[in-house]
Amino acid sequence: MFNAHIEGQALKFLEKLKDAQLKKRLMDKIDELEIDPFPRNCKMVEGYEQKAFRVRVGGYRILYYVVFETQKVWVFIIDKRGVVYD
């Protein structure tokens, strides 16, 4: 089983988020990534130094990368679909 760590922009996004229901949905998806870091709906995202992946949560995207040596999932960006790739 993997451990999820939320860093940088993703952490700031969650701290500022006022919609409790959306925050719960995002955190539930991150918890699912701890069990299976590569769910069926994940896609690889290009343009990052490490192999980054994304999962959808409604109109939002969670971008993360996986470190197998330490069994960690690093969540580094969470934002709306149109903004997350800028």
C-alpha atoms as a PDB file:
ATOM      1  CA  MET A   1       0.000   0.000   0.000  1.00  0.00           C
ATOM      2  CA  PHE A   2       1.187   3.496  -0.834  1.00  0.00           C
ATOM      3  CA  ASN A   3       1.153   6.665   1.275  1.00  0.00           C
ATOM      4  CA  ALA A   4      -0.213   9.858  -0.266  1.00  0.00           C
ATOM      5  CA  HIS A   5       1.497  13.196   0.318  1.00  0.00           C
ATOM      6  CA  ILE A   6      -0.072  16.468  -0.749  1.00  0.00           C
ATOM      7  CA  GLU A   7       2.360  19.279  -1.518  1.00  0.00           C
ATOM      8  CA  GLY A   8       2.674  22.770  -2.945  1.00  0.00           C
ATOM      9  CA  GLN A   9      -0.222  24.075  -5.015  1.00  0.00           C
ATOM     10  CA  ALA A  10      -2.430  21.068  -4.223  1.00  0.00           C
ATOM     11  CA  LEU A  11      -2.182  21.703  -0.482  1.00  0.00           C
ATOM     12  CA  LYS A  12      -2.957  25.409  -0.910  1.00  0.00           C
ATOM     13  CA  PHE A  13      -5.933  24.578  -3.142  1.00  0.00           C
ATOM     14  CA  LEU A  14      -7.420  22.218  -0.540  1.00  0.00           C
ATOM     15  CA  GLU A  15      -6.849  24.695   2.298  1.00  0.00           C
ATOM     16  CA  LYS A  16      -8.670  27.479   0.418  1.00  0.00           C
ATOM     17  CA  LEU A  17     -11.526  25.275  -0.801  1.00  0.00           C
ATOM     18  CA  LYS A  18     -14.814  26.230   0.858  1.00  0.00           C
ATOM     19  CA  ASP A  19     -17.012  23.525  -0.682  1.00  0.00           C
ATOM     20  CA  ALA A  20     -16.899  20.749   1.935  1.00  0.00           C
ATOM     21  CA  GLN A  21     -18.541  18.189  -0.347  1.00  0.00           C
ATOM     22  CA  LEU A  22     -15.999  18.764  -3.131  1.00  0.00           C
ATOM     23  CA  LYS A  23     -13.138  18.642  -0.631  1.00  0.00           C
ATOM     24  CA  LYS A  24     -14.414  15.279   0.632  1.00  0.00           C
ATOM     25  CA  ARG A  25     -14.655  13.929  -2.942  1.00  0.00           C
ATOM     26  CA  LEU A  26     -11.090  15.050  -3.688  1.00  0.00           C
ATOM     27  CA  MET A  27      -9.751  13.538  -0.449  1.00  0.00           C
ATOM     28  CA  ASP A  28     -11.630  10.289  -1.086  1.00  0.00           C
ATOM     29  CA  LYS A  29      -9.981  10.041  -4.514  1.00  0.00           C
ATOM     30  CA  ILE A  30      -6.552  10.680  -2.974  1.00  0.00           C
ATOM     31  CA  ASP A  31      -7.279   7.939  -0.425  1.00  0.00           C
ATOM     32  CA  GLU A  32      -8.133   5.605  -3.319  1.00  0.00           C
ATOM     33  CA  LEU A  33      -4.752   6.407  -4.903  1.00  0.00           C
ATOM     34  CA  GLU A  34      -3.085   5.009  -1.778  1.00  0.00           C
ATOM     35  CA  ILE A  35      -4.699   1.646  -2.512  1.00  0.00           C
ATOM     36  CA  ASP A  36      -4.312   1.720  -6.296  1.00  0.00           C
ATOM     37  CA  PRO A  37      -2.072   4.499  -7.689  1.00  0.00           C
ATOM     38  CA  PHE A  38      -3.049   3.595 -11.260  1.00  0.00           C
ATOM     39  CA  PRO A  39      -6.853   3.338 -11.416  1.00  0.00           C
ATOM     40  CA  ARG A  40      -8.587   2.633 -14.721  1.00  0.00           C
ATOM     41  CA  ASN A  41      -9.379   6.280 -15.361  1.00  0.00           C
ATOM     42  CA  CYS A  42      -5.847   7.645 -14.800  1.00  0.00           C
ATOM     43  CA  LYS A  43      -3.965   9.150 -17.711  1.00  0.00           C
ATOM     44  CA  MET A  44      -0.292   9.951 -18.122  1.00  0.00           C
ATOM     45  CA  VAL A  45       0.450  13.678 -18.434  1.00  0.00           C
ATOM     46  CA  GLU A  46       3.419  14.920 -20.447  1.00  0.00           C
ATOM     47  CA  GLY A  47       5.547  17.991 -19.779  1.00  0.00           C
ATOM     48  CA  TYR A  48       6.842  17.181 -16.294  1.00  0.00           C
ATOM     49  CA  GLU A  49      10.274  15.932 -15.189  1.00  0.00           C
ATOM     50  CA  GLN A  50       8.837  12.790 -13.624  1.00  0.00           C
ATOM     51  CA  LYS A  51       6.096  10.590 -15.030  1.00  0.00           C
ATOM     52  CA  ALA A  52       2.982  12.428 -13.922  1.00  0.00           C
ATOM     53  CA  PHE A  53      -0.541  11.070 -13.966  1.00  0.00           C
ATOM     54  CA  ARG A  54      -3.969  12.615 -13.570  1.00  0.00           C
ATOM     55  CA  VAL A  55      -7.334  11.468 -12.340  1.00  0.00           C
ATOM     56  CA  ARG A  56     -10.676  13.204 -12.749  1.00  0.00           C
ATOM     57  CA  VAL A  57     -13.010  14.252  -9.981  1.00  0.00           C
ATOM     58  CA  GLY A  58     -15.931  15.890 -11.762  1.00  0.00           C
ATOM     59  CA  GLY A  59     -14.633  19.088 -13.367  1.00  0.00           C
ATOM     60  CA  TYR A  60     -11.403  18.967 -11.372  1.00  0.00           C
ATOM     61  CA  ARG A  61      -8.102  17.179 -11.977  1.00  0.00           C
ATOM     62  CA  ILE A  62      -5.590  15.726  -9.518  1.00  0.00           C
ATOM     63  CA  LEU A  63      -2.024  15.533 -10.853  1.00  0.00           C
ATOM     64  CA  TYR A  64       0.405  13.222  -9.092  1.00  0.00           C
ATOM     65  CA  TYR A  65       3.484  11.074  -9.486  1.00  0.00           C
ATOM     66  CA  VAL A  66       4.408   7.764  -7.893  1.00  0.00           C
ATOM     67  CA  VAL A  67       7.716   6.851  -6.237  1.00  0.00           C
ATOM     68  CA  PHE A  68       7.948   3.067  -6.003  1.00  0.00           C
ATOM     69  CA  GLU A  69      11.127   2.976  -3.899  1.00  0.00           C
ATOM     70  CA  THR A  70       9.416   4.784  -1.018  1.00  0.00           C
ATOM     71  CA  GLN A  71       5.847   3.612  -1.801  1.00  0.00           C
ATOM     72  CA  LYS A  72       4.566   7.211  -1.988  1.00  0.00           C
ATOM     73  CA  VAL A  73       2.052   9.024  -4.158  1.00  0.00           C
ATOM     74  CA  TRP A  74       2.928  12.734  -4.409  1.00  0.00           C
ATOM     75  CA  VAL A  75      -0.069  14.933  -5.256  1.00  0.00           C
ATOM     76  CA  PHE A  76       1.297  18.220  -6.582  1.00  0.00           C
ATOM     77  CA  ILE A  77      -1.568  19.956  -8.427  1.00  0.00           C
ATOM     78  CA  ILE A  78      -5.339  20.049  -7.931  1.00  0.00           C
ATOM     79  CA  ASP A  79      -7.397  22.505  -9.947  1.00  0.00           C
ATOM     80  CA  LYS A  80     -10.212  22.943 -12.446  1.00  0.00           C
ATOM     81  CA  ARG A  81      -9.906  21.134 -15.743  1.00  0.00           C
ATOM     82  CA  GLY A  82      -9.194  24.240 -17.831  1.00  0.00           C
ATOM     83  CA  VAL A  83      -6.595  25.665 -15.437  1.00  0.00           C
ATOM     84  CA  VAL A  84      -4.647  22.631 -14.281  1.00  0.00           C
ATOM     85  CA  TYR A  85      -2.493  22.272 -17.408  1.00  0.00           C
ATOM     86  CA  ASP A  86      -1.400  25.944 -17.635  1.00  0.00           C
END
